[in-house]
Amino acid sequence: MKKQFLLPAKFRPIGWVTFLIFFALGILTEAYGYNIPGFQIYYPTEGGSGGYNLTNELAFAGTIIGLLMISFARHVNEDELIGKIRLESWQWAVLVNYAILLILNFTTYGLGFVFIITYNVLTLLLVYIVRFNYRLYLLNKNLNSED
């Protein structure tokens, strides 16, 4: 079997916890304007000092890191079949991601487009994780029905 660049299997639950915490933080930041106190960058402005809170950037980076850990964590029973399912899931995720991108290109304009494209970065990882886990579920279901 070819050597694949994958993280150890223990990174999958760590990735899920990281993803859920930072995704929840991102929702709090976007929907309710929540900011982590003290996570502020100050810069000089006329009439005083201005500031910008980096909570949203922290939430987005943490969400991406969590999804990457989930995506690149080795499966407990990693073999050639799971490697094939992994590759097909990546291919499928790329196709879906670019199909969404093409649709958004013709249906969204202005700052809405920039906002949606920013979050489209997550689509590739999310579609891959959903597709990969669904295919593993089908594989396990078929194996259990044969027994």
C-alpha atoms as a PDB file:
ATOM      1  CA  MET A   1       0.000   0.000   0.000  1.00  0.00           C
ATOM      2  CA  LYS A   2       1.271   3.477  -0.843  1.00  0.00           C
ATOM      3  CA  LYS A   3       2.177   5.754   2.026  1.00  0.00           C
ATOM      4  CA  GLN A   4      -0.450   8.482   2.360  1.00  0.00           C
ATOM      5  CA  PHE A   5      -0.026  11.748   4.181  1.00  0.00           C
ATOM      6  CA  LEU A   6      -2.653  11.337   6.874  1.00  0.00           C
ATOM      7  CA  LEU A   7      -2.815  12.360  10.498  1.00  0.00           C
ATOM      8  CA  PRO A   8      -3.173   9.700  13.194  1.00  0.00           C
ATOM      9  CA  ALA A   9      -6.740   8.555  13.895  1.00  0.00           C
ATOM     10  CA  LYS A  10      -6.806  10.327  17.281  1.00  0.00           C
ATOM     11  CA  PHE A  11      -7.005  13.678  15.445  1.00  0.00           C
ATOM     12  CA  ARG A  12     -10.555  12.960  14.229  1.00  0.00           C
ATOM     13  CA  PRO A  13     -12.301  13.512  17.613  1.00  0.00           C
ATOM     14  CA  ILE A  14      -9.990  16.451  18.351  1.00  0.00           C
ATOM     15  CA  GLY A  15     -10.984  17.897  14.979  1.00  0.00           C
ATOM     16  CA  TRP A  16     -14.699  17.468  15.724  1.00  0.00           C
ATOM     17  CA  VAL A  17     -14.378  19.252  19.070  1.00  0.00           C
ATOM     18  CA  THR A  18     -12.305  22.048  17.495  1.00  0.00           C
ATOM     19  CA  PHE A  19     -14.752  22.414  14.611  1.00  0.00           C
ATOM     20  CA  LEU A  20     -17.844  22.537  16.843  1.00  0.00           C
ATOM     21  CA  ILE A  21     -16.362  25.038  19.304  1.00  0.00           C
ATOM     22  CA  PHE A  22     -15.089  27.445  16.653  1.00  0.00           C
ATOM     23  CA  PHE A  23     -18.146  27.022  14.420  1.00  0.00           C
ATOM     24  CA  ALA A  24     -20.360  27.948  17.393  1.00  0.00           C
ATOM     25  CA  LEU A  25     -18.075  30.925  18.079  1.00  0.00           C
ATOM     26  CA  GLY A  26     -18.433  31.971  14.433  1.00  0.00           C
ATOM     27  CA  ILE A  27     -22.222  31.811  14.659  1.00  0.00           C
ATOM     28  CA  LEU A  28     -22.166  33.866  17.864  1.00  0.00           C
ATOM     29  CA  THR A  29     -19.881  36.404  16.188  1.00  0.00           C
ATOM     30  CA  GLU A  30     -21.897  36.726  12.976  1.00  0.00           C
ATOM     31  CA  ALA A  31     -25.412  36.514  14.371  1.00  0.00           C
ATOM     32  CA  TYR A  32     -25.079  38.273  17.712  1.00  0.00           C
ATOM     33  CA  GLY A  33     -21.937  40.386  17.375  1.00  0.00           C
ATOM     34  CA  TYR A  34     -20.181  38.508  20.168  1.00  0.00           C
ATOM     35  CA  ASN A  35     -16.488  39.364  20.556  1.00  0.00           C
ATOM     36  CA  ILE A  36     -13.886  37.792  22.799  1.00  0.00           C
ATOM     37  CA  PRO A  37     -12.864  40.477  25.291  1.00  0.00           C
ATOM     38  CA  GLY A  38      -9.177  41.364  25.066  1.00  0.00           C
ATOM     39  CA  PHE A  39      -8.801  39.907  21.590  1.00  0.00           C
ATOM     40  CA  GLN A  40      -8.463  43.390  20.164  1.00  0.00           C
ATOM     41  CA  ILE A  41      -5.995  45.083  17.829  1.00  0.00           C
ATOM     42  CA  TYR A  42      -5.674  48.799  18.447  1.00  0.00           C
ATOM     43  CA  TYR A  43      -4.569  51.247  15.802  1.00  0.00           C
ATOM     44  CA  PRO A  44      -4.260  55.027  15.833  1.00  0.00           C
ATOM     45  CA  THR A  45      -7.058  57.093  14.310  1.00  0.00           C
ATOM     46  CA  GLU A  46      -7.971  60.757  14.329  1.00  0.00           C
ATOM     47  CA  GLY A  47      -9.352  61.707  17.702  1.00  0.00           C
ATOM     48  CA  GLY A  48      -8.185  58.611  19.576  1.00  0.00           C
ATOM     49  CA  SER A  49      -7.393  55.004  19.016  1.00  0.00           C
ATOM     50  CA  GLY A  50      -9.584  52.656  17.051  1.00  0.00           C
ATOM     51  CA  GLY A  51      -9.821  48.962  17.437  1.00  0.00           C
ATOM     52  CA  TYR A  52     -10.719  45.832  15.601  1.00  0.00           C
ATOM     53  CA  ASN A  53     -11.677  42.592  17.290  1.00  0.00           C
ATOM     54  CA  LEU A  54     -10.293  39.405  15.741  1.00  0.00           C
ATOM     55  CA  THR A  55     -12.937  37.026  17.092  1.00  0.00           C
ATOM     56  CA  ASN A  56     -14.412  36.392  13.638  1.00  0.00           C
ATOM     57  CA  GLU A  57     -10.991  35.608  12.158  1.00  0.00           C
ATOM     58  CA  LEU A  58     -10.197  33.286  15.065  1.00  0.00           C
ATOM     59  CA  ALA A  59     -13.516  31.459  14.604  1.00  0.00           C
ATOM     60  CA  PHE A  60     -12.973  31.055  10.855  1.00  0.00           C
ATOM     61  CA  ALA A  61      -9.385  29.793  11.284  1.00  0.00           C
ATOM     62  CA  GLY A  62     -10.409  27.378  14.040  1.00  0.00           C
ATOM     63  CA  THR A  63     -13.273  26.046  11.926  1.00  0.00           C
ATOM     64  CA  ILE A  64     -10.926  25.403   9.004  1.00  0.00           C
ATOM     65  CA  ILE A  65      -8.317  23.733  11.240  1.00  0.00           C
ATOM     66  CA  GLY A  66     -10.973  21.488  12.789  1.00  0.00           C
ATOM     67  CA  LEU A  67     -12.315  20.481   9.368  1.00  0.00           C
ATOM     68  CA  LEU A  68      -8.794  19.775   8.119  1.00  0.00           C
ATOM     69  CA  MET A  69      -8.105  17.532  11.114  1.00  0.00           C
ATOM     70  CA  ILE A  70     -11.331  15.616  10.456  1.00  0.00           C
ATOM     71  CA  SER A  71     -10.608  15.334   6.724  1.00  0.00           C
ATOM     72  CA  PHE A  72      -6.997  14.226   6.972  1.00  0.00           C
ATOM     73  CA  ALA A  73      -7.251  11.920   9.982  1.00  0.00           C
ATOM     74  CA  ARG A  74      -6.514   8.297   9.206  1.00  0.00           C
ATOM     75  CA  HIS A  75      -9.449   5.929   9.532  1.00  0.00           C
ATOM     76  CA  VAL A  76      -9.037   3.281  12.212  1.00  0.00           C
ATOM     77  CA  ASN A  77      -9.135   0.491   9.599  1.00  0.00           C
ATOM     78  CA  GLU A  78      -7.424   2.386   6.752  1.00  0.00           C
ATOM     79  CA  ASP A  79      -6.912   0.096   3.747  1.00  0.00           C
ATOM     80  CA  GLU A  80      -7.006   0.307  -0.060  1.00  0.00           C
ATOM     81  CA  LEU A  81     -10.816   0.340  -0.198  1.00  0.00           C
ATOM     82  CA  ILE A  82     -11.076   3.201   2.263  1.00  0.00           C
ATOM     83  CA  GLY A  83      -8.315   4.992   0.355  1.00  0.00           C
ATOM     84  CA  LYS A  84     -10.376   4.591  -2.829  1.00  0.00           C
ATOM     85  CA  ILE A  85     -13.492   5.911  -1.074  1.00  0.00           C
ATOM     86  CA  ARG A  86     -11.398   8.809   0.255  1.00  0.00           C
ATOM     87  CA  LEU A  87     -10.184   9.702  -3.255  1.00  0.00           C
ATOM     88  CA  GLU A  88     -13.655   9.444  -4.806  1.00  0.00           C
ATOM     89  CA  SER A  89     -15.075  11.609  -2.015  1.00  0.00           C
ATOM     90  CA  TRP A  90     -12.437  14.285  -2.662  1.00  0.00           C
ATOM     91  CA  GLN A  91     -13.200  14.243  -6.380  1.00  0.00           C
ATOM     92  CA  TRP A  92     -16.911  14.489  -5.746  1.00  0.00           C
ATOM     93  CA  ALA A  93     -16.397  17.333  -3.236  1.00  0.00           C
ATOM     94  CA  VAL A  94     -14.295  19.335  -5.714  1.00  0.00           C
ATOM     95  CA  LEU A  95     -16.943  18.964  -8.412  1.00  0.00           C
ATOM     96  CA  VAL A  96     -19.752  20.031  -6.068  1.00  0.00           C
ATOM     97  CA  ASN A  97     -17.686  22.938  -4.734  1.00  0.00           C
ATOM     98  CA  TYR A  98     -16.990  24.323  -8.214  1.00  0.00           C
ATOM     99  CA  ALA A  99     -20.581  23.757  -9.334  1.00  0.00           C
ATOM    100  CA  ILE A 100     -21.707  25.872  -6.366  1.00  0.00           C
ATOM    101  CA  LEU A 101     -19.065  28.456  -7.235  1.00  0.00           C
ATOM    102  CA  LEU A 102     -20.282  28.697 -10.837  1.00  0.00           C
ATOM    103  CA  ILE A 103     -23.898  29.060  -9.743  1.00  0.00           C
ATOM    104  CA  LEU A 104     -22.972  31.760  -7.217  1.00  0.00           C
ATOM    105  CA  ASN A 105     -20.943  33.577  -9.861  1.00  0.00           C
ATOM    106  CA  PHE A 106     -24.107  34.253 -11.854  1.00  0.00           C
ATOM    107  CA  THR A 107     -26.593  34.708  -9.004  1.00  0.00           C
ATOM    108  CA  THR A 108     -24.804  36.810  -6.369  1.00  0.00           C
ATOM    109  CA  TYR A 109     -23.361  40.311  -6.668  1.00  0.00           C
ATOM    110  CA  GLY A 110     -21.430  42.879  -4.659  1.00  0.00           C
ATOM    111  CA  LEU A 111     -20.436  42.362  -1.053  1.00  0.00           C
ATOM    112  CA  GLY A 112     -22.820  39.418  -0.780  1.00  0.00           C
ATOM    113  CA  PHE A 113     -20.680  37.606  -3.318  1.00  0.00           C
ATOM    114  CA  VAL A 114     -17.515  38.258  -1.310  1.00  0.00           C
ATOM    115  CA  PHE A 115     -19.215  37.097   1.888  1.00  0.00           C
ATOM    116  CA  ILE A 116     -20.508  33.888   0.282  1.00  0.00           C
ATOM    117  CA  ILE A 117     -17.200  33.126  -1.452  1.00  0.00           C
ATOM    118  CA  THR A 118     -15.416  33.465   1.876  1.00  0.00           C
ATOM    119  CA  TYR A 119     -17.599  30.745   3.358  1.00  0.00           C
ATOM    120  CA  ASN A 120     -17.399  28.691   0.152  1.00  0.00           C
ATOM    121  CA  VAL A 121     -13.907  27.778   1.331  1.00  0.00           C
ATOM    122  CA  LEU A 122     -15.582  25.544   3.911  1.00  0.00           C
ATOM    123  CA  THR A 123     -17.829  23.859   1.338  1.00  0.00           C
ATOM    124  CA  LEU A 124     -15.080  21.658  -0.071  1.00  0.00           C
ATOM    125  CA  LEU A 125     -14.178  20.242   3.341  1.00  0.00           C
ATOM    126  CA  LEU A 126     -17.789  19.888   4.485  1.00  0.00           C
ATOM    127  CA  VAL A 127     -18.913  18.094   1.316  1.00  0.00           C
ATOM    128  CA  TYR A 128     -15.910  15.774   1.524  1.00  0.00           C
ATOM    129  CA  ILE A 129     -16.591  14.873   5.168  1.00  0.00           C
ATOM    130  CA  VAL A 130     -20.280  14.229   4.521  1.00  0.00           C
ATOM    131  CA  ARG A 131     -19.636  12.168   1.377  1.00  0.00           C
ATOM    132  CA  PHE A 132     -16.776  10.143   2.921  1.00  0.00           C
ATOM    133  CA  ASN A 133     -18.723   9.294   6.071  1.00  0.00           C
ATOM    134  CA  TYR A 134     -21.843   8.432   4.046  1.00  0.00           C
ATOM    135  CA  ARG A 135     -19.849   6.056   1.857  1.00  0.00           C
ATOM    136  CA  LEU A 136     -18.278   4.456   4.949  1.00  0.00           C
ATOM    137  CA  TYR A 137     -21.762   4.064   6.416  1.00  0.00           C
ATOM    138  CA  LEU A 138     -22.944   2.321   3.236  1.00  0.00           C
ATOM    139  CA  LEU A 139     -19.856   0.095   3.243  1.00  0.00           C
ATOM    140  CA  ASN A 140     -20.413  -0.939   6.878  1.00  0.00           C
ATOM    141  CA  LYS A 141     -24.125  -1.469   6.231  1.00  0.00           C
ATOM    142  CA  ASN A 142     -23.365  -3.769   3.288  1.00  0.00           C
ATOM    143  CA  LEU A 143     -20.737  -5.682   5.257  1.00  0.00           C
ATOM    144  CA  ASN A 144     -23.114  -6.164   8.183  1.00  0.00           C
ATOM    145  CA  SER A 145     -25.953  -7.322   5.930  1.00  0.00           C
ATOM    146  CA  GLU A 146     -23.688 -10.018   4.418  1.00  0.00           C
ATOM    147  CA  ASP A 147     -23.007 -11.512   7.860  1.00  0.00           C
END
